[in-house]
Amino acid sequence: MRVNVKDVYNQEVTKRLIRVEKKNSAFVYAILESLEGMASYSTVDLPGDPVRVGKSFRDIELCIPDAFVSDIEKVLQGLSKEFSILDLSHLLTTQSDPGGAS
């Protein structure tokens, strides 16, 4: 499931939420950083979850401009061949706002 919202520039973006093992998170962050402008990401704590300390996973929220959704999907598919990536996008709501504005 994807949640479509507008970013701070009023552009349509697709939000995704993925979970990766903590040991793989730095690699995922590095890959996302290397794709300059194709997606932004943030490590998030899901509502109701206890503090992140001691967890063996990271939940990563992706904001993907619609022009790059298929490219990012291919990247995630490739990474999922190397390690587990759990799609938690069904937990996102359309009330989320990547810019923090309401």
C-alpha atoms as a PDB file:
ATOM      1  CA  MET A   1       0.000   0.000   0.000  1.00  0.00           C
ATOM      2  CA  ARG A   2       1.170   3.497  -0.774  1.00  0.00           C
ATOM      3  CA  VAL A   3       0.046   6.786   0.669  1.00  0.00           C
ATOM      4  CA  ASN A   4       0.077   9.722  -1.732  1.00  0.00           C
ATOM      5  CA  VAL A   5       0.548  13.180  -0.219  1.00  0.00           C
ATOM      6  CA  LYS A   6       1.951  16.529  -1.274  1.00  0.00           C
ATOM      7  CA  ASP A   7       5.384  17.584  -0.085  1.00  0.00           C
ATOM      8  CA  VAL A   8       6.457  21.039   1.071  1.00  0.00           C
ATOM      9  CA  TYR A   9       6.776  22.092  -2.590  1.00  0.00           C
ATOM     10  CA  ASN A  10       3.194  20.958  -3.295  1.00  0.00           C
ATOM     11  CA  GLN A  11       4.451  18.056  -5.415  1.00  0.00           C
ATOM     12  CA  GLU A  12       2.802  14.650  -5.308  1.00  0.00           C
ATOM     13  CA  VAL A  13       4.901  12.135  -3.385  1.00  0.00           C
ATOM     14  CA  THR A  14       4.390   8.530  -2.449  1.00  0.00           C
ATOM     15  CA  LYS A  15       5.156   7.547   1.114  1.00  0.00           C
ATOM     16  CA  ARG A  16       6.399   4.084   1.986  1.00  0.00           C
ATOM     17  CA  LEU A  17       7.277   2.571   5.314  1.00  0.00           C
ATOM     18  CA  ILE A  18       9.782  -0.262   5.433  1.00  0.00           C
ATOM     19  CA  ARG A  19      11.420  -2.249   8.221  1.00  0.00           C
ATOM     20  CA  VAL A  20      14.972  -3.552   7.946  1.00  0.00           C
ATOM     21  CA  GLU A  21      17.239  -5.277  10.411  1.00  0.00           C
ATOM     22  CA  LYS A  22      19.419  -2.831  12.308  1.00  0.00           C
ATOM     23  CA  LYS A  23      22.567  -4.487  10.934  1.00  0.00           C
ATOM     24  CA  ASN A  24      21.419  -3.620   7.367  1.00  0.00           C
ATOM     25  CA  SER A  25      20.085  -0.130   8.045  1.00  0.00           C
ATOM     26  CA  ALA A  26      23.353   1.757   7.451  1.00  0.00           C
ATOM     27  CA  PHE A  27      23.651   0.128   4.029  1.00  0.00           C
ATOM     28  CA  VAL A  28      20.055   1.089   3.165  1.00  0.00           C
ATOM     29  CA  TYR A  29      20.716   4.678   4.285  1.00  0.00           C
ATOM     30  CA  ALA A  30      23.867   4.822   2.141  1.00  0.00           C
ATOM     31  CA  ILE A  31      22.017   3.535  -0.926  1.00  0.00           C
ATOM     32  CA  LEU A  32      19.211   6.070  -0.425  1.00  0.00           C
ATOM     33  CA  GLU A  33      21.741   8.887   0.038  1.00  0.00           C
ATOM     34  CA  SER A  34      23.454   7.906  -3.207  1.00  0.00           C
ATOM     35  CA  LEU A  35      20.168   8.363  -5.093  1.00  0.00           C
ATOM     36  CA  GLU A  36      20.229  12.129  -4.528  1.00  0.00           C
ATOM     37  CA  GLY A  37      16.791  13.637  -4.964  1.00  0.00           C
ATOM     38  CA  MET A  38      15.015  10.377  -5.806  1.00  0.00           C
ATOM     39  CA  ALA A  39      13.741   9.844  -2.258  1.00  0.00           C
ATOM     40  CA  SER A  40      14.039  11.301   1.183  1.00  0.00           C
ATOM     41  CA  TYR A  41      13.909   9.114   4.264  1.00  0.00           C
ATOM     42  CA  SER A  42      13.571   9.277   7.986  1.00  0.00           C
ATOM     43  CA  THR A  43      13.927   6.683  10.711  1.00  0.00           C
ATOM     44  CA  VAL A  44      10.661   6.650  12.616  1.00  0.00           C
ATOM     45  CA  ASP A  45       9.197   5.199  15.785  1.00  0.00           C
ATOM     46  CA  LEU A  46       5.747   3.812  15.177  1.00  0.00           C
ATOM     47  CA  PRO A  47       2.976   4.962  17.521  1.00  0.00           C
ATOM     48  CA  GLY A  48       2.560   2.502  20.349  1.00  0.00           C
ATOM     49  CA  ASP A  49       6.063   1.079  19.910  1.00  0.00           C
ATOM     50  CA  PRO A  50       8.403   1.250  22.890  1.00  0.00           C
ATOM     51  CA  VAL A  51      11.607   3.249  22.637  1.00  0.00           C
ATOM     52  CA  ARG A  52      13.893   2.232  19.755  1.00  0.00           C
ATOM     53  CA  VAL A  53      16.827   1.384  22.070  1.00  0.00           C
ATOM     54  CA  GLY A  54      17.525  -2.318  22.010  1.00  0.00           C
ATOM     55  CA  LYS A  55      15.438  -3.060  18.923  1.00  0.00           C
ATOM     56  CA  SER A  56      16.970  -5.249  16.259  1.00  0.00           C
ATOM     57  CA  PHE A  57      15.288  -3.330  13.411  1.00  0.00           C
ATOM     58  CA  ARG A  58      14.776   0.145  11.995  1.00  0.00           C
ATOM     59  CA  ASP A  59      11.538   1.508  10.554  1.00  0.00           C
ATOM     60  CA  ILE A  60      12.266   3.841   7.653  1.00  0.00           C
ATOM     61  CA  GLU A  61       9.711   6.181   6.119  1.00  0.00           C
ATOM     62  CA  LEU A  62      10.391   7.036   2.483  1.00  0.00           C
ATOM     63  CA  CYS A  63       8.989  10.062   0.642  1.00  0.00           C
ATOM     64  CA  ILE A  64       9.323   9.426  -3.083  1.00  0.00           C
ATOM     65  CA  PRO A  65       8.431  11.960  -5.794  1.00  0.00           C
ATOM     66  CA  ASP A  66       5.990  10.223  -8.123  1.00  0.00           C
ATOM     67  CA  ALA A  67       8.449  10.471 -11.028  1.00  0.00           C
ATOM     68  CA  PHE A  68      10.840   8.133  -9.170  1.00  0.00           C
ATOM     69  CA  VAL A  69       8.472   5.592  -7.608  1.00  0.00           C
ATOM     70  CA  SER A  70       9.255   2.823 -10.107  1.00  0.00           C
ATOM     71  CA  ASP A  71      13.006   3.445  -9.765  1.00  0.00           C
ATOM     72  CA  ILE A  72      12.878   3.222  -5.975  1.00  0.00           C
ATOM     73  CA  GLU A  73      10.702   0.087  -6.219  1.00  0.00           C
ATOM     74  CA  LYS A  74      13.446  -1.527  -8.321  1.00  0.00           C
ATOM     75  CA  VAL A  75      16.084  -0.530  -5.767  1.00  0.00           C
ATOM     76  CA  LEU A  76      14.025  -1.999  -2.916  1.00  0.00           C
ATOM     77  CA  GLN A  77      13.415  -5.188  -4.896  1.00  0.00           C
ATOM     78  CA  GLY A  78      17.148  -5.531  -5.487  1.00  0.00           C
ATOM     79  CA  LEU A  79      17.956  -4.940  -1.830  1.00  0.00           C
ATOM     80  CA  SER A  80      15.302  -7.451  -0.773  1.00  0.00           C
ATOM     81  CA  LYS A  81      17.253 -10.139  -2.635  1.00  0.00           C
ATOM     82  CA  GLU A  82      20.132  -9.522  -0.213  1.00  0.00           C
ATOM     83  CA  PHE A  83      18.204  -9.162   3.065  1.00  0.00           C
ATOM     84  CA  SER A  84      14.678  -8.911   4.430  1.00  0.00           C
ATOM     85  CA  ILE A  85      12.693  -5.716   3.814  1.00  0.00           C
ATOM     86  CA  LEU A  86       9.256  -5.685   5.395  1.00  0.00           C
ATOM     87  CA  ASP A  87       6.681  -3.326   3.844  1.00  0.00           C
ATOM     88  CA  LEU A  88       4.723  -1.584   6.610  1.00  0.00           C
ATOM     89  CA  SER A  89       3.127   1.036   4.359  1.00  0.00           C
ATOM     90  CA  HIS A  90      -0.335  -0.105   5.435  1.00  0.00           C
ATOM     91  CA  LEU A  91       0.395   1.586   8.784  1.00  0.00           C
ATOM     92  CA  LEU A  92       0.721   5.020   7.171  1.00  0.00           C
ATOM     93  CA  THR A  93      -2.194   7.416   7.014  1.00  0.00           C
ATOM     94  CA  THR A  94      -2.954  10.215   4.585  1.00  0.00           C
ATOM     95  CA  GLN A  95      -2.699  12.624   7.513  1.00  0.00           C
ATOM     96  CA  SER A  96       1.096  12.261   7.474  1.00  0.00           C
ATOM     97  CA  ASP A  97       2.980  15.245   6.147  1.00  0.00           C
ATOM     98  CA  PRO A  98       6.632  14.962   5.051  1.00  0.00           C
ATOM     99  CA  GLY A  99       7.260  18.673   5.651  1.00  0.00           C
ATOM    100  CA  GLY A 100       5.769  18.780   9.089  1.00  0.00           C
ATOM    101  CA  ALA A 101       3.222  21.377   7.983  1.00  0.00           C
ATOM    102  CA  SER A 102      -0.465  20.932   8.557  1.00  0.00           C
END
